[in-house]
PDB file of N, CA and C in Angstrom:
ATOM      1  N   MET A   1      30.349 -13.151   2.563  1.00  0.00           N
ATOM      2  CA  MET A   1      29.993 -11.592   3.009  1.00  0.00           C
ATOM      3  C   MET A   1      30.509 -11.255   4.273  1.00  0.00           C
ATOM      4  N   PRO A   2      31.038  -9.927   4.498  1.00  0.00           N
ATOM      5  CA  PRO A   2      31.472  -9.794   5.850  1.00  0.00           C
ATOM      6  C   PRO A   2      30.534  -9.383   6.856  1.00  0.00           C
ATOM      7  N   VAL A   3      31.168  -9.919   7.973  1.00  0.00           N
ATOM      8  CA  VAL A   3      30.318  -9.823   9.207  1.00  0.00           C
ATOM      9  C   VAL A   3      31.126  -9.001  10.204  1.00  0.00           C
ATOM     10  N   PRO A   4      30.523  -8.051  11.030  1.00  0.00           N
ATOM     11  CA  PRO A   4      31.264  -7.090  12.016  1.00  0.00           C
ATOM     12  C   PRO A   4      32.045  -7.878  12.980  1.00  0.00           C
ATOM     13  N   LYS A   5      32.981  -7.778  13.461  1.00  0.00           N
ATOM     14  CA  LYS A   5      33.698  -8.430  14.387  1.00  0.00           C
ATOM     15  C   LYS A   5      33.010  -8.051  15.897  1.00  0.00           C
ATOM     16  N   ARG A   6      32.734  -6.931  16.150  1.00  0.00           N
ATOM     17  CA  ARG A   6      32.191  -6.431  17.315  1.00  0.00           C
ATOM     18  C   ARG A   6      30.726  -5.612  17.004  1.00  0.00           C
ATOM     19  N   ARG A   7      29.953  -5.463  17.984  1.00  0.00           N
ATOM     20  CA  ARG A   7      28.705  -4.720  17.889  1.00  0.00           C
ATOM     21  C   ARG A   7      29.141  -3.227  18.031  1.00  0.00           C
ATOM     22  N   HIS A   8      28.318  -2.428  16.953  1.00  0.00           N
ATOM     23  CA  HIS A   8      28.420  -1.068  17.312  1.00  0.00           C
ATOM     24  C   HIS A   8      27.652  -0.562  18.387  1.00  0.00           C
ATOM     25  N   SER A   9      28.105   0.434  19.181  1.00  0.00           N
ATOM     26  CA  SER A   9      27.447   1.001  20.451  1.00  0.00           C
ATOM     27  C   SER A   9      26.182   1.768  19.738  1.00  0.00           C
ATOM     28  N   SER A  10      25.320   1.911  20.658  1.00  0.00           N
ATOM     29  CA  SER A  10      24.052   2.651  20.340  1.00  0.00           C
ATOM     30  C   SER A  10      24.458   4.099  20.144  1.00  0.00           C
ATOM     31  N   THR A  11      25.547   4.569  20.880  1.00  0.00           N
ATOM     32  CA  THR A  11      25.758   5.910  20.701  1.00  0.00           C
ATOM     33  C   THR A  11      26.371   6.316  19.186  1.00  0.00           C
ATOM     34  N   ARG A  12      27.022   5.279  18.506  1.00  0.00           N
ATOM     35  CA  ARG A  12      27.550   5.405  17.245  1.00  0.00           C
ATOM     36  C   ARG A  12      26.568   5.349  16.449  1.00  0.00           C
ATOM     37  N   ARG A  13      25.500   4.496  16.571  1.00  0.00           N
ATOM     38  CA  ARG A  13      24.511   4.367  15.636  1.00  0.00           C
ATOM     39  C   ARG A  13      23.651   5.526  15.768  1.00  0.00           C
ATOM     40  N   ASP A  14      23.269   6.303  16.817  1.00  0.00           N
ATOM     41  CA  ASP A  14      22.729   7.448  16.966  1.00  0.00           C
ATOM     42  C   ASP A  14      23.392   8.818  16.473  1.00  0.00           C
ATOM     43  N   LYS A  15      24.617   8.758  16.380  1.00  0.00           N
ATOM     44  CA  LYS A  15      25.350   9.876  15.758  1.00  0.00           C
ATOM     45  C   LYS A  15      25.173   9.789  14.297  1.00  0.00           C
ATOM     46  N   ARG A  16      25.078   8.695  13.754  1.00  0.00           N
ATOM     47  CA  ARG A  16      24.717   8.316  12.307  1.00  0.00           C
ATOM     48  C   ARG A  16      23.554   8.766  11.751  1.00  0.00           C
ATOM     49  N   ARG A  17      22.588   8.573  12.736  1.00  0.00           N
ATOM     50  CA  ARG A  17      21.128   8.869  12.419  1.00  0.00           C
ATOM     51  C   ARG A  17      20.525  10.310  12.851  1.00  0.00           C
ATOM     52  N   THR A  18      21.535  11.083  13.324  1.00  0.00           N
ATOM     53  CA  THR A  18      21.268  12.611  13.766  1.00  0.00           C
ATOM     54  C   THR A  18      20.704  13.442  12.632  1.00  0.00           C
ATOM     55  N   HIS A  19      20.896  13.157  11.288  1.00  0.00           N
ATOM     56  CA  HIS A  19      20.628  13.882   9.957  1.00  0.00           C
ATOM     57  C   HIS A  19      19.443  13.242   9.375  1.00  0.00           C
ATOM     58  N   ASP A  20      18.930  12.179   9.818  1.00  0.00           N
ATOM     59  CA  ASP A  20      17.654  11.523   9.168  1.00  0.00           C
ATOM     60  C   ASP A  20      16.429  11.829   9.428  1.00  0.00           C
ATOM     61  N   SER A  21      16.207  12.733  10.265  1.00  0.00           N
ATOM     62  CA  SER A  21      15.007  13.229  10.566  1.00  0.00           C
ATOM     63  C   SER A  21      14.484  14.128   9.517  1.00  0.00           C
ATOM     64  N   LEU A  22      13.125  14.259   9.449  1.00  0.00           N
ATOM     65  CA  LEU A  22      12.456  15.203   8.384  1.00  0.00           C
ATOM     66  C   LEU A  22      12.283  16.567   8.980  1.00  0.00           C
ATOM     67  N   LYS A  23      12.682  17.587   8.085  1.00  0.00           N
ATOM     68  CA  LYS A  23      12.609  18.844   8.435  1.00  0.00           C
ATOM     69  C   LYS A  23      11.331  19.842   7.818  1.00  0.00           C
ATOM     70  N   THR A  24      10.868  20.650   8.551  1.00  0.00           N
ATOM     71  CA  THR A  24       9.674  21.376   8.036  1.00  0.00           C
ATOM     72  C   THR A  24       9.900  22.165   6.759  1.00  0.00           C
ATOM     73  N   PRO A  25       9.275  22.313   5.893  1.00  0.00           N
ATOM     74  CA  PRO A  25       9.836  23.100   4.617  1.00  0.00           C
ATOM     75  C   PRO A  25       9.670  24.712   4.998  1.00  0.00           C
ATOM     76  N   LEU A  26      10.551  25.417   4.427  1.00  0.00           N
ATOM     77  CA  LEU A  26      10.575  26.910   4.939  1.00  0.00           C
ATOM     78  C   LEU A  26       9.497  27.470   3.903  1.00  0.00           C
ATOM     79  N   LEU A  27       8.625  28.334   4.511  1.00  0.00           N
ATOM     80  CA  LEU A  27       7.568  28.860   3.774  1.00  0.00           C
ATOM     81  C   LEU A  27       7.405  30.474   4.039  1.00  0.00           C
ATOM     82  N   HIS A  28       7.083  31.209   3.149  1.00  0.00           N
ATOM     83  CA  HIS A  28       6.900  32.439   3.218  1.00  0.00           C
ATOM     84  C   HIS A  28       5.502  33.015   2.812  1.00  0.00           C
ATOM     85  N   VAL A  29       5.003  34.125   3.317  1.00  0.00           N
ATOM     86  CA  VAL A  29       3.665  34.559   3.091  1.00  0.00           C
ATOM     87  C   VAL A  29       3.507  35.659   1.962  1.00  0.00           C
ATOM     88  N   CYS A  30       2.898  35.553   1.086  1.00  0.00           N
ATOM     89  CA  CYS A  30       2.840  36.386  -0.196  1.00  0.00           C
ATOM     90  C   CYS A  30       2.186  37.891   0.389  1.00  0.00           C
ATOM     91  N   PRO A  31       2.813  38.956   0.319  1.00  0.00           N
ATOM     92  CA  PRO A  31       2.352  40.082   0.794  1.00  0.00           C
ATOM     93  C   PRO A  31       0.806  40.607  -0.016  1.00  0.00           C
ATOM     94  N   VAL A  32       0.933  40.266  -1.271  1.00  0.00           N
ATOM     95  CA  VAL A  32      -0.339  40.607  -1.808  1.00  0.00           C
ATOM     96  C   VAL A  32      -1.450  39.462  -1.519  1.00  0.00           C
ATOM     97  N   SER A  33      -1.385  38.418  -1.840  1.00  0.00           N
ATOM     98  CA  SER A  33      -2.603  37.329  -1.709  1.00  0.00           C
ATOM     99  C   SER A  33      -2.557  36.617  -0.230  1.00  0.00           C
ATOM    100  N   GLY A  34      -1.645  36.736   0.375  1.00  0.00           N
ATOM    101  CA  GLY A  34      -1.446  35.829   1.700  1.00  0.00           C
ATOM    102  C   GLY A  34      -1.229  34.578   1.490  1.00  0.00           C
ATOM    103  N   ILE A  35      -0.921  34.031   0.471  1.00  0.00           N
ATOM    104  CA  ILE A  35      -0.730  32.477   0.220  1.00  0.00           C
ATOM    105  C   ILE A  35       0.464  32.089   0.535  1.00  0.00           C
ATOM    106  N   TYR A  36       0.890  31.001   1.459  1.00  0.00           N
ATOM    107  CA  TYR A  36       2.148  30.281   1.748  1.00  0.00           C
ATOM    108  C   TYR A  36       2.609  29.687   0.434  1.00  0.00           C
ATOM    109  N   HIS A  37       4.279  30.022   0.281  1.00  0.00           N
ATOM    110  CA  HIS A  37       4.731  29.700  -0.928  1.00  0.00           C
ATOM    111  C   HIS A  37       6.387  29.504  -0.332  1.00  0.00           C
ATOM    112  N   LYS A  38       6.893  28.743  -1.291  1.00  0.00           N
ATOM    113  CA  LYS A  38       8.332  28.629  -1.243  1.00  0.00           C
ATOM    114  C   LYS A  38       9.262  29.918  -1.399  1.00  0.00           C
ATOM    115  N   PRO A  39      10.254  30.295  -0.589  1.00  0.00           N
ATOM    116  CA  PRO A  39      10.779  31.518  -1.065  1.00  0.00           C
ATOM    117  C   PRO A  39      11.622  31.245  -2.209  1.00  0.00           C
ATOM    118  N   HIS A  40      11.854  32.394  -3.179  1.00  0.00           N
ATOM    119  CA  HIS A  40      12.517  32.613  -4.411  1.00  0.00           C
ATOM    120  C   HIS A  40      11.989  31.416  -5.470  1.00  0.00           C
ATOM    121  N   VAL A  41      10.726  31.265  -5.453  1.00  0.00           N
ATOM    122  CA  VAL A  41      10.047  30.485  -6.413  1.00  0.00           C
ATOM    123  C   VAL A  41       8.756  30.989  -6.841  1.00  0.00           C
ATOM    124  N   ALA A  42       8.550  31.329  -8.185  1.00  0.00           N
ATOM    125  CA  ALA A  42       7.203  31.781  -8.645  1.00  0.00           C
ATOM    126  C   ALA A  42       6.140  30.907  -8.267  1.00  0.00           C
ATOM    127  N   TYR A  43       4.988  31.463  -7.993  1.00  0.00           N
ATOM    128  CA  TYR A  43       3.681  30.698  -7.342  1.00  0.00           C
ATOM    129  C   TYR A  43       2.351  31.323  -8.183  1.00  0.00           C
ATOM    130  N   TRP A  44       1.596  30.303  -8.654  1.00  0.00           N
ATOM    131  CA  TRP A  44       0.300  30.785  -9.037  1.00  0.00           C
ATOM    132  C   TRP A  44      -1.015  30.943  -7.997  1.00  0.00           C
ATOM    133  N   VAL A  45      -1.717  32.127  -8.268  1.00  0.00           N
ATOM    134  CA  VAL A  45      -2.821  32.171  -7.418  1.00  0.00           C
ATOM    135  C   VAL A  45      -3.797  33.013  -8.349  1.00  0.00           C
ATOM    136  N   GLU A  46      -4.784  32.109  -8.391  1.00  0.00           N
ATOM    137  CA  GLU A  46      -6.140  32.466  -9.417  1.00  0.00           C
ATOM    138  C   GLU A  46      -5.696  32.748 -10.837  1.00  0.00           C
ATOM    139  N   ASN A  47      -4.984  31.902 -11.393  1.00  0.00           N
ATOM    140  CA  ASN A  47      -4.498  32.211 -12.870  1.00  0.00           C
ATOM    141  C   ASN A  47      -3.542  33.376 -12.999  1.00  0.00           C
ATOM    142  N   CYS A  48      -2.935  33.741 -11.994  1.00  0.00           N
ATOM    143  CA  CYS A  48      -1.629  35.065 -12.136  1.00  0.00           C
ATOM    144  C   CYS A  48      -0.524  34.468 -11.525  1.00  0.00           C
ATOM    145  N   LEU A  49       0.444  34.645 -12.047  1.00  0.00           N
ATOM    146  CA  LEU A  49       1.760  33.791 -11.779  1.00  0.00           C
ATOM    147  C   LEU A  49       2.638  35.262 -10.904  1.00  0.00           C
ATOM    148  N   TYR A  50       2.886  34.916  -9.786  1.00  0.00           N
ATOM    149  CA  TYR A  50       3.512  36.035  -8.797  1.00  0.00           C
ATOM    150  C   TYR A  50       5.016  35.429  -8.531  1.00  0.00           C
ATOM    151  N   TYR A  51       5.758  36.651  -8.238  1.00  0.00           N
ATOM    152  CA  TYR A  51       7.191  36.300  -8.030  1.00  0.00           C
ATOM    153  C   TYR A  51       7.604  37.455  -7.033  1.00  0.00           C
ATOM    154  N   LYS A  52       7.986  37.318  -5.803  1.00  0.00           N
ATOM    155  CA  LYS A  52       8.425  38.270  -4.867  1.00  0.00           C
ATOM    156  C   LYS A  52       7.033  39.424  -4.775  1.00  0.00           C
ATOM    157  N   GLY A  53       6.003  38.935  -4.691  1.00  0.00           N
ATOM    158  CA  GLY A  53       4.670  39.820  -4.362  1.00  0.00           C
ATOM    159  C   GLY A  53       4.580  40.489  -5.625  1.00  0.00           C
ATOM    160  N   VAL A  54       5.135  40.494  -6.721  1.00  0.00           N
ATOM    161  CA  VAL A  54       4.822  41.258  -8.202  1.00  0.00           C
ATOM    162  C   VAL A  54       4.065  40.231  -8.944  1.00  0.00           C
ATOM    163  N   LYS A  55       3.047  40.680  -9.720  1.00  0.00           N
ATOM    164  CA  LYS A  55       2.414  39.715 -10.655  1.00  0.00           C
ATOM    165  C   LYS A  55       3.335  39.905 -12.055  1.00  0.00           C
ATOM    166  N   VAL A  56       3.579  38.686 -12.386  1.00  0.00           N
ATOM    167  CA  VAL A  56       4.654  38.510 -13.515  1.00  0.00           C
ATOM    168  C   VAL A  56       3.654  38.067 -14.681  1.00  0.00           C
ATOM    169  N   VAL A  57       2.740  37.330 -14.760  1.00  0.00           N
ATOM    170  CA  VAL A  57       1.948  36.898 -15.826  1.00  0.00           C
ATOM    171  C   VAL A  57       0.353  36.725 -15.286  1.00  0.00           C
ATOM    172  N   ASP A  58      -0.312  37.499 -16.197  1.00  0.00           N
ATOM    173  CA  ASP A  58      -1.681  37.356 -15.940  1.00  0.00           C
ATOM    174  C   ASP A  58      -2.413  36.363 -16.999  1.00  0.00           C
ATOM    175  N   ASP A  59      -2.787  35.083 -16.704  1.00  0.00           N
ATOM    176  CA  ASP A  59      -3.354  34.241 -17.640  1.00  0.00           C
ATOM    177  C   ASP A  59      -4.608  34.683 -18.120  1.00  0.00           C
ATOM    178  N   ASN A  60      -5.561  35.445 -17.213  1.00  0.00           N
ATOM    179  CA  ASN A  60      -7.071  35.736 -17.698  1.00  0.00           C
ATOM    180  C   ASN A  60      -6.838  36.767 -18.783  1.00  0.00           C
ATOM    181  N   LYS A  61      -5.799  37.702 -18.774  1.00  0.00           N
ATOM    182  CA  LYS A  61      -5.733  38.624 -19.831  1.00  0.00           C
ATOM    183  C   LYS A  61      -5.211  37.922 -21.327  1.00  0.00           C
ATOM    184  N   LYS A  62      -4.321  36.755 -20.985  1.00  0.00           N
ATOM    185  CA  LYS A  62      -3.713  36.330 -22.081  1.00  0.00           C
ATOM    186  C   LYS A  62      -4.687  35.374 -22.746  1.00  0.00           C
ATOM    187  N   LYS A  63      -5.824  34.762 -21.960  1.00  0.00           N
ATOM    188  CA  LYS A  63      -6.793  34.067 -22.519  1.00  0.00           C
ATOM    189  C   LYS A  63      -7.742  34.741 -23.398  1.00  0.00           C
ATOM    190  N   ASN A  64      -7.961  36.092 -22.543  1.00  0.00           N
ATOM    191  CA  ASN A  64      -8.918  37.040 -23.423  1.00  0.00           C
ATOM    192  C   ASN A  64      -8.450  37.478 -24.769  1.00  0.00           C
ATOM    193  N   VAL A  65      -7.336  37.744 -24.625  1.00  0.00           N
ATOM    194  CA  VAL A  65      -6.441  38.347 -26.083  1.00  0.00           C
ATOM    195  C   VAL A  65      -6.556  37.270 -27.087  1.00  0.00           C
ATOM    196  N   GLU A  66      -6.491  35.830 -26.616  1.00  0.00           N
ATOM    197  CA  GLU A  66      -6.201  34.622 -27.500  1.00  0.00           C
ATOM    198  C   GLU A  66      -7.633  34.822 -27.874  1.00  0.00           C
ATOM    199  N   ALA A  67      -8.715  34.842 -27.298  1.00  0.00           N
ATOM    200  CA  ALA A  67      -9.982  34.493 -27.713  1.00  0.00           C
ATOM    201  C   ALA A  67     -10.684  35.751 -28.774  1.00  0.00           C
ATOM    202  N   GLU A  68     -10.051  36.954 -28.410  1.00  0.00           N
ATOM    203  CA  GLU A  68     -10.462  38.064 -29.354  1.00  0.00           C
ATOM    204  C   GLU A  68      -9.736  37.775 -30.748  1.00  0.00           C
ATOM    205  N   GLU A  69      -8.473  37.281 -30.863  1.00  0.00           N
ATOM    206  CA  GLU A  69      -7.776  37.118 -32.064  1.00  0.00           C
ATOM    207  C   GLU A  69      -8.392  36.169 -32.950  1.00  0.00           C
ATOM    208  N   THR A  70      -8.855  34.939 -32.194  1.00  0.00           N
ATOM    209  CA  THR A  70      -9.549  33.859 -32.861  1.00  0.00           C
ATOM    210  C   THR A  70     -10.946  34.316 -33.582  1.00  0.00           C
ATOM    211  N   LYS A  71     -11.580  35.587 -33.290  1.00  0.00           N
ATOM    212  CA  LYS A  71     -12.737  35.845 -33.720  1.00  0.00           C
ATOM    213  C   LYS A  71     -12.853  36.519 -34.924  1.00  0.00           C
TER     214      LYS A  71
END
Protein backbone atom coordinates (compact mmCIF):
# COMPACT_ATOMS: atom_id res chain seq x y z
CA MET A 1 0.00 0.00 0.00
CA PRO A 2 1.45 3.41 -0.93
CA VAL A 3 2.60 5.72 1.79
CA PRO A 4 3.18 9.47 1.28
CA LYS A 5 6.83 10.46 1.22
CA ARG A 6 6.26 13.79 2.94
CA ARG A 7 3.60 15.21 5.19
CA HIS A 8 0.93 17.46 3.59
CA SER A 9 0.81 20.93 5.08
CA SER A 10 -2.18 22.14 7.09
CA THR A 11 -2.81 24.78 4.42
CA ARG A 12 -3.13 22.13 1.74
CA ARG A 13 -5.48 20.11 3.96
CA ASP A 14 -7.63 23.16 4.72
CA LYS A 15 -7.87 24.11 1.03
CA ARG A 16 -9.28 20.67 0.32
CA ARG A 17 -11.83 20.99 3.14
CA THR A 18 -13.19 24.44 2.20
CA HIS A 19 -16.24 22.98 0.43
CA ASP A 20 -17.10 20.37 3.07
CA SER A 21 -19.15 22.65 5.32
CA LEU A 22 -22.94 22.34 5.44
CA LYS A 23 -24.97 25.12 3.87
CA THR A 24 -28.36 26.30 5.06
CA PRO A 25 -31.15 25.42 2.62
CA LEU A 26 -32.64 28.27 0.61
CA LEU A 27 -36.27 28.83 1.63
CA HIS A 28 -39.03 31.12 0.37
CA VAL A 29 -42.22 32.27 2.08
CA CYS A 30 -45.57 31.49 0.45
CA PRO A 31 -47.47 34.75 -0.16
CA VAL A 32 -50.82 33.00 0.43
CA SER A 33 -50.26 30.78 3.46
CA GLY A 34 -47.00 32.13 4.92
CA ILE A 35 -45.38 28.67 4.90
CA TYR A 36 -41.64 28.31 4.26
CA HIS A 37 -40.86 26.06 1.27
CA LYS A 38 -38.14 25.31 -1.27
CA PRO A 39 -38.24 27.53 -4.37
CA HIS A 40 -39.52 26.00 -7.64
CA VAL A 41 -41.09 23.07 -5.77
CA ALA A 42 -44.80 22.42 -5.22
CA TYR A 43 -45.80 22.16 -1.53
CA TRP A 44 -48.84 20.92 0.44
CA VAL A 45 -50.71 23.12 2.92
CA GLU A 46 -53.89 21.76 4.55
CA ASN A 47 -54.64 19.24 1.75
CA CYS A 48 -54.06 21.81 -1.00
CA LEU A 49 -51.12 21.73 -3.40
CA TYR A 50 -49.57 25.15 -4.10
CA TYR A 51 -47.00 26.21 -6.68
CA LYS A 52 -45.70 29.79 -6.86
CA GLY A 53 -48.51 30.94 -4.54
CA VAL A 54 -51.27 29.50 -6.76
CA LYS A 55 -53.49 26.63 -5.65
CA VAL A 56 -52.98 23.79 -8.12
CA VAL A 57 -54.86 20.87 -6.53
CA ASP A 58 -57.51 20.95 -3.82
CA ASP A 59 -57.68 17.50 -2.20
CA ASN A 60 -60.78 18.37 -0.14
CA LYS A 61 -62.88 18.98 -3.24
CA LYS A 62 -61.47 15.86 -4.88
CA LYS A 63 -62.42 13.70 -1.85
CA ASN A 64 -65.91 15.22 -1.71
CA VAL A 65 -66.53 14.48 -5.41
CA GLU A 66 -65.32 10.88 -4.99
CA ALA A 67 -67.59 10.41 -1.95
CA GLU A 68 -70.63 11.70 -3.86
CA GLU A 69 -69.90 9.42 -6.83
CA THR A 70 -69.85 6.31 -4.64
CA LYS A 71 -73.30 7.13 -3.11
